[in-house]
C-alpha atoms as a PDB file:
ATOM      1  CA  UNK A   1      91.112  80.736 118.526  1.00  0.00           C
ATOM      2  CA  UNK A   2      91.494  83.802 116.327  1.00  0.00           C
ATOM      3  CA  UNK A   3      93.829  86.764 116.397  1.00  0.00           C
ATOM      4  CA  UNK A   4      92.251  90.044 117.456  1.00  0.00           C
ATOM      5  CA  UNK A   5      93.146  93.544 116.176  1.00  0.00           C
ATOM      6  CA  UNK A   6      96.028  93.864 118.611  1.00  0.00           C
ATOM      7  CA  UNK A   7      97.585  90.479 117.863  1.00  0.00           C
ATOM      8  CA  UNK A   8      96.041  88.763 120.916  1.00  0.00           C
ATOM      9  CA  UNK A   9      94.147  85.494 120.842  1.00  0.00           C
ATOM     10  CA  UNK A  10      90.400  85.214 121.318  1.00  0.00           C
ATOM     11  CA  UNK A  11      87.845  82.450 120.851  1.00  0.00           C
ATOM     12  CA  UNK A  12      86.635  82.131 117.280  1.00  0.00           C
ATOM     13  CA  UNK A  13      83.506  84.141 116.622  1.00  0.00           C
ATOM     14  CA  UNK A  14      84.090  86.743 119.342  1.00  0.00           C
ATOM     15  CA  UNK A  15      85.587  90.184 119.084  1.00  0.00           C
ATOM     16  CA  UNK A  16      87.356  91.867 121.996  1.00  0.00           C
ATOM     17  CA  UNK A  17      84.066  93.016 123.526  1.00  0.00           C
ATOM     18  CA  UNK A  18      82.540  89.527 123.757  1.00  0.00           C
ATOM     19  CA  UNK A  19      80.106  90.324 120.904  1.00  0.00           C
ATOM     20  CA  UNK A  20      79.988  87.907 118.030  1.00  0.00           C
ATOM     21  CA  UNK A  21      82.300  88.889 115.177  1.00  0.00           C
ATOM     22  CA  UNK A  22      79.362  89.386 112.860  1.00  0.00           C
ATOM     23  CA  UNK A  23      77.284  91.380 115.327  1.00  0.00           C
ATOM     24  CA  UNK A  24      77.182  95.144 114.791  1.00  0.00           C
ATOM     25  CA  UNK A  25      78.085  97.546 117.586  1.00  0.00           C
ATOM     26  CA  UNK A  26      75.213  98.676 119.727  1.00  0.00           C
ATOM     27  CA  UNK A  27      75.329 102.156 118.182  1.00  0.00           C
ATOM     28  CA  UNK A  28      74.040 100.764 114.877  1.00  0.00           C
ATOM     29  CA  UNK A  29      77.360 101.155 113.085  1.00  0.00           C
ATOM     30  CA  UNK A  30      78.377 100.011 109.626  1.00  0.00           C
ATOM     31  CA  UNK A  31      77.346  96.763 108.043  1.00  0.00           C
ATOM     32  CA  UNK A  32      78.831  93.894 110.063  1.00  0.00           C
ATOM     33  CA  UNK A  33      80.210  92.097 107.022  1.00  0.00           C
ATOM     34  CA  UNK A  34      82.335  95.143 106.159  1.00  0.00           C
ATOM     35  CA  UNK A  35      83.540  95.442 109.769  1.00  0.00           C
ATOM     36  CA  UNK A  36      84.560  91.783 109.617  1.00  0.00           C
ATOM     37  CA  UNK A  37      86.259  92.373 106.254  1.00  0.00           C
ATOM     38  CA  UNK A  38      88.178  95.355 107.597  1.00  0.00           C
ATOM     39  CA  UNK A  39      89.290  93.441 110.692  1.00  0.00           C
ATOM     40  CA  UNK A  40      90.468  90.375 108.755  1.00  0.00           C
ATOM     41  CA  UNK A  41      92.182  92.421 106.057  1.00  0.00           C
ATOM     42  CA  UNK A  42      94.024  94.397 108.747  1.00  0.00           C
ATOM     43  CA  UNK A  43      95.398  91.191 110.263  1.00  0.00           C
ATOM     44  CA  UNK A  44      96.176  89.738 106.845  1.00  0.00           C
ATOM     45  CA  UNK A  45      98.006  92.877 105.637  1.00  0.00           C
ATOM     46  CA  UNK A  46     100.020  93.170 108.855  1.00  0.00           C
ATOM     47  CA  UNK A  47     101.173  89.575 108.414  1.00  0.00           C
ATOM     48  CA  UNK A  48     101.823  90.116 104.677  1.00  0.00           C
ATOM     49  CA  UNK A  49     104.062  93.129 105.453  1.00  0.00           C
ATOM     50  CA  UNK A  50     106.038  91.093 107.978  1.00  0.00           C
ATOM     51  CA  UNK A  51     106.326  88.167 105.518  1.00  0.00           C
ATOM     52  CA  UNK A  52     107.451  90.498 102.737  1.00  0.00           C
ATOM     53  CA  UNK A  53     110.292  91.731 104.939  1.00  0.00           C
ATOM     54  CA  UNK A  54     111.350  88.159 105.692  1.00  0.00           C
ATOM     55  CA  UNK A  55     111.253  87.228 102.017  1.00  0.00           C
ATOM     56  CA  UNK A  56     113.261  90.303 101.047  1.00  0.00           C
ATOM     57  CA  UNK A  57     115.970  89.378 103.575  1.00  0.00           C
ATOM     58  CA  UNK A  58     116.024  85.827 102.195  1.00  0.00           C
ATOM     59  CA  UNK A  59     116.753  87.225  98.727  1.00  0.00           C
ATOM     60  CA  UNK A  60     119.523  89.394 100.175  1.00  0.00           C
ATOM     61  CA  UNK A  61     120.209  90.354 103.799  1.00  0.00           C
ATOM     62  CA  UNK A  62     120.240  94.121 103.135  1.00  0.00           C
ATOM     63  CA  UNK A  63     117.264  94.190 100.745  1.00  0.00           C
ATOM     64  CA  UNK A  64     114.469  96.592 101.665  1.00  0.00           C
ATOM     65  CA  UNK A  65     111.049  95.037 102.139  1.00  0.00           C
ATOM     66  CA  UNK A  66     109.455  97.165  99.405  1.00  0.00           C
ATOM     67  CA  UNK A  67     112.043  96.061  96.834  1.00  0.00           C
ATOM     68  CA  UNK A  68     110.809  92.453  97.006  1.00  0.00           C
ATOM     69  CA  UNK A  69     107.642  93.401  95.154  1.00  0.00           C
ATOM     70  CA  UNK A  70     109.720  94.895  92.344  1.00  0.00           C
ATOM     71  CA  UNK A  71     111.701  91.721  91.986  1.00  0.00           C
ATOM     72  CA  UNK A  72     108.556  89.582  91.865  1.00  0.00           C
ATOM     73  CA  UNK A  73     107.043  91.915  89.242  1.00  0.00           C
ATOM     74  CA  UNK A  74     110.173  91.609  87.095  1.00  0.00           C
ATOM     75  CA  UNK A  75     110.168  87.831  87.596  1.00  0.00           C
ATOM     76  CA  UNK A  76     106.570  87.589  86.404  1.00  0.00           C
ATOM     77  CA  UNK A  77     106.572  90.214  83.645  1.00  0.00           C
ATOM     78  CA  UNK A  78     110.118  90.396  82.383  1.00  0.00           C
ATOM     79  CA  UNK A  79     111.754  93.581  81.195  1.00  0.00           C
ATOM     80  CA  UNK A  80     109.977  96.804  82.106  1.00  0.00           C
ATOM     81  CA  UNK A  81     110.616 100.517  82.157  1.00  0.00           C
ATOM     82  CA  UNK A  82     111.152 102.141  85.509  1.00  0.00           C
ATOM     83  CA  UNK A  83     108.067 104.300  84.903  1.00  0.00           C
ATOM     84  CA  UNK A  84     105.931 101.186  84.460  1.00  0.00           C
ATOM     85  CA  UNK A  85     107.298  99.693  87.681  1.00  0.00           C
ATOM     86  CA  UNK A  86     106.708 102.952  89.557  1.00  0.00           C
ATOM     87  CA  UNK A  87     103.099 103.090  88.363  1.00  0.00           C
ATOM     88  CA  UNK A  88     102.476  99.448  89.275  1.00  0.00           C
ATOM     89  CA  UNK A  89     103.998  99.768  92.766  1.00  0.00           C
ATOM     90  CA  UNK A  90     102.510 103.238  93.305  1.00  0.00           C
ATOM     91  CA  UNK A  91     105.665 105.232  94.022  1.00  0.00           C
ATOM     92  CA  UNK A  92     107.268 108.296  92.491  1.00  0.00           C
ATOM     93  CA  UNK A  93     110.120 108.418  89.998  1.00  0.00           C
ATOM     94  CA  UNK A  94     112.726 109.386  92.628  1.00  0.00           C
ATOM     95  CA  UNK A  95     111.754 106.527  94.966  1.00  0.00           C
ATOM     96  CA  UNK A  96     111.795 104.065  92.092  1.00  0.00           C
ATOM     97  CA  UNK A  97     115.232 105.273  90.937  1.00  0.00           C
ATOM     98  CA  UNK A  98     116.625 104.848  94.461  1.00  0.00           C
ATOM     99  CA  UNK A  99     115.178 101.317  94.806  1.00  0.00           C
ATOM    100  CA  UNK A 100     116.416 100.259  91.349  1.00  0.00           C
ATOM    101  CA  UNK A 101     119.904 101.668  92.035  1.00  0.00           C
ATOM    102  CA  UNK A 102     120.089  99.617  95.264  1.00  0.00           C
ATOM    103  CA  UNK A 103     118.952  96.454  93.460  1.00  0.00           C
ATOM    104  CA  UNK A 104     121.493  97.053  90.717  1.00  0.00           C
ATOM    105  CA  UNK A 105     124.295  97.524  93.250  1.00  0.00           C
ATOM    106  CA  UNK A 106     123.331  94.163  94.796  1.00  0.00           C
ATOM    107  CA  UNK A 107     123.593  92.514  91.367  1.00  0.00           C
ATOM    108  CA  UNK A 108     119.904  91.523  91.327  1.00  0.00           C
ATOM    109  CA  UNK A 109     118.820  93.641  88.361  1.00  0.00           C
ATOM    110  CA  UNK A 110     120.425  95.198  85.284  1.00  0.00           C
ATOM    111  CA  UNK A 111     119.391  97.988  82.915  1.00  0.00           C
ATOM    112  CA  UNK A 112     119.594  98.047  79.125  1.00  0.00           C
ATOM    113  CA  UNK A 113     118.545 100.631  76.530  1.00  0.00           C
ATOM    114  CA  UNK A 114     114.944 100.347  75.365  1.00  0.00           C
ATOM    115  CA  UNK A 115     115.077  99.474  71.639  1.00  0.00           C
ATOM    116  CA  UNK A 116     111.757 101.272  71.128  1.00  0.00           C
ATOM    117  CA  UNK A 117     113.019 104.524  72.704  1.00  0.00           C
ATOM    118  CA  UNK A 118     116.743 105.207  72.953  1.00  0.00           C
ATOM    119  CA  UNK A 119     116.134 107.686  75.815  1.00  0.00           C
ATOM    120  CA  UNK A 120     114.531 105.056  78.074  1.00  0.00           C
ATOM    121  CA  UNK A 121     115.921 102.041  79.864  1.00  0.00           C
ATOM    122  CA  UNK A 122     114.492  98.585  80.469  1.00  0.00           C
ATOM    123  CA  UNK A 123     115.063  96.894  83.810  1.00  0.00           C
ATOM    124  CA  UNK A 124     115.366  93.119  84.144  1.00  0.00           C
ATOM    125  CA  UNK A 125     116.458  90.499  86.649  1.00  0.00           C
ATOM    126  CA  UNK A 126     120.003  89.226  86.403  1.00  0.00           C
ATOM    127  CA  UNK A 127     120.583  85.466  86.530  1.00  0.00           C
ATOM    128  CA  UNK A 128     121.565  85.934  90.187  1.00  0.00           C
ATOM    129  CA  UNK A 129     118.357  87.886  90.841  1.00  0.00           C
ATOM    130  CA  UNK A 130     116.171  85.357  89.045  1.00  0.00           C
ATOM    131  CA  UNK A 131     117.727  82.467  90.984  1.00  0.00           C
ATOM    132  CA  UNK A 132     117.360  84.117  94.381  1.00  0.00           C
ATOM    133  CA  UNK A 133     113.780  85.292  93.749  1.00  0.00           C
ATOM    134  CA  UNK A 134     112.877  81.844  92.402  1.00  0.00           C
ATOM    135  CA  UNK A 135     114.158  80.117  95.535  1.00  0.00           C
ATOM    136  CA  UNK A 136     112.242  82.439  97.863  1.00  0.00           C
ATOM    137  CA  UNK A 137     109.025  82.175  95.838  1.00  0.00           C
ATOM    138  CA  UNK A 138     109.260  78.386  95.776  1.00  0.00           C
ATOM    139  CA  UNK A 139     109.801  78.277  99.552  1.00  0.00           C
ATOM    140  CA  UNK A 140     106.787  80.562 100.063  1.00  0.00           C
ATOM    141  CA  UNK A 141     104.629  78.387  97.771  1.00  0.00           C
ATOM    142  CA  UNK A 142     105.683  75.285  99.723  1.00  0.00           C
ATOM    143  CA  UNK A 143     104.735  77.035 102.966  1.00  0.00           C
ATOM    144  CA  UNK A 144     101.299  77.844 101.600  1.00  0.00           C
ATOM    145  CA  UNK A 145     100.854  74.221 100.540  1.00  0.00           C
ATOM    146  CA  UNK A 146     101.821  73.065 104.023  1.00  0.00           C
ATOM    147  CA  UNK A 147      99.740  75.627 105.924  1.00  0.00           C
ATOM    148  CA  UNK A 148      96.663  75.068 103.769  1.00  0.00           C
ATOM    149  CA  UNK A 149      96.977  71.278 103.424  1.00  0.00           C
ATOM    150  CA  UNK A 150      93.736  70.827 105.376  1.00  0.00           C
ATOM    151  CA  UNK A 151      91.833  73.042 102.923  1.00  0.00           C
ATOM    152  CA  UNK A 152      89.934  71.622  99.987  1.00  0.00           C
ATOM    153  CA  UNK A 153      91.800  72.615  96.768  1.00  0.00           C
ATOM    154  CA  UNK A 154      88.560  74.211  95.507  1.00  0.00           C
ATOM    155  CA  UNK A 155      88.607  76.514  98.558  1.00  0.00           C
ATOM    156  CA  UNK A 156      92.184  77.542  97.781  1.00  0.00           C
ATOM    157  CA  UNK A 157      91.183  78.250  94.186  1.00  0.00           C
ATOM    158  CA  UNK A 158      88.140  80.224  95.347  1.00  0.00           C
ATOM    159  CA  UNK A 159      90.279  82.272  97.752  1.00  0.00           C
ATOM    160  CA  UNK A 160      92.704  83.064  94.922  1.00  0.00           C
ATOM    161  CA  UNK A 161      89.779  84.030  92.648  1.00  0.00           C
ATOM    162  CA  UNK A 162      88.268  86.318  95.283  1.00  0.00           C
ATOM    163  CA  UNK A 163      91.600  87.983  96.095  1.00  0.00           C
ATOM    164  CA  UNK A 164      92.154  88.553  92.366  1.00  0.00           C
ATOM    165  CA  UNK A 165      88.707  90.108  92.100  1.00  0.00           C
ATOM    166  CA  UNK A 166      89.442  92.323  95.122  1.00  0.00           C
ATOM    167  CA  UNK A 167      92.777  93.403  93.660  1.00  0.00           C
ATOM    168  CA  UNK A 168      91.230  94.251  90.289  1.00  0.00           C
ATOM    169  CA  UNK A 169      88.521  96.293  92.005  1.00  0.00           C
ATOM    170  CA  UNK A 170      91.066  98.271  93.978  1.00  0.00           C
ATOM    171  CA  UNK A 171      93.096  99.226  90.879  1.00  0.00           C
ATOM    172  CA  UNK A 172      90.355 101.651  89.855  1.00  0.00           C
END
């Protein structure tokens, strides 16, 4: 069984109309592989948004879903300027300032003057933030291991490679 566009269950290989997933619509629409890609990415992204909200609440009960991505970025890359974080996440300066202020009030991040430019600030995880983010990321990794235990490790590596390739292509 597979999940359809509306979250319902359907037999694998069939869309809601009874056509095969890889069969184009009768009107000669777009390439079927891109229709399948769009459908699967829609389900994947919907689930990812829901999971991000859960992970944010695991870090701190009042944490906004979008802030989780900031914490992960800081965990992976270390100290960064707010402008770099805003560019990476794709939000404006005002939105970034609001999110960083909330994270600072929760004790998850701290700011320090940028030694390269006294007018700028660097943002970094506090020990509390690093510990909380680390716990949530480890729990998520363990869940992936469990859910994909029946996959060949080469398939997992290939999925990671293809997602990386997709992400790089979408940065342009």
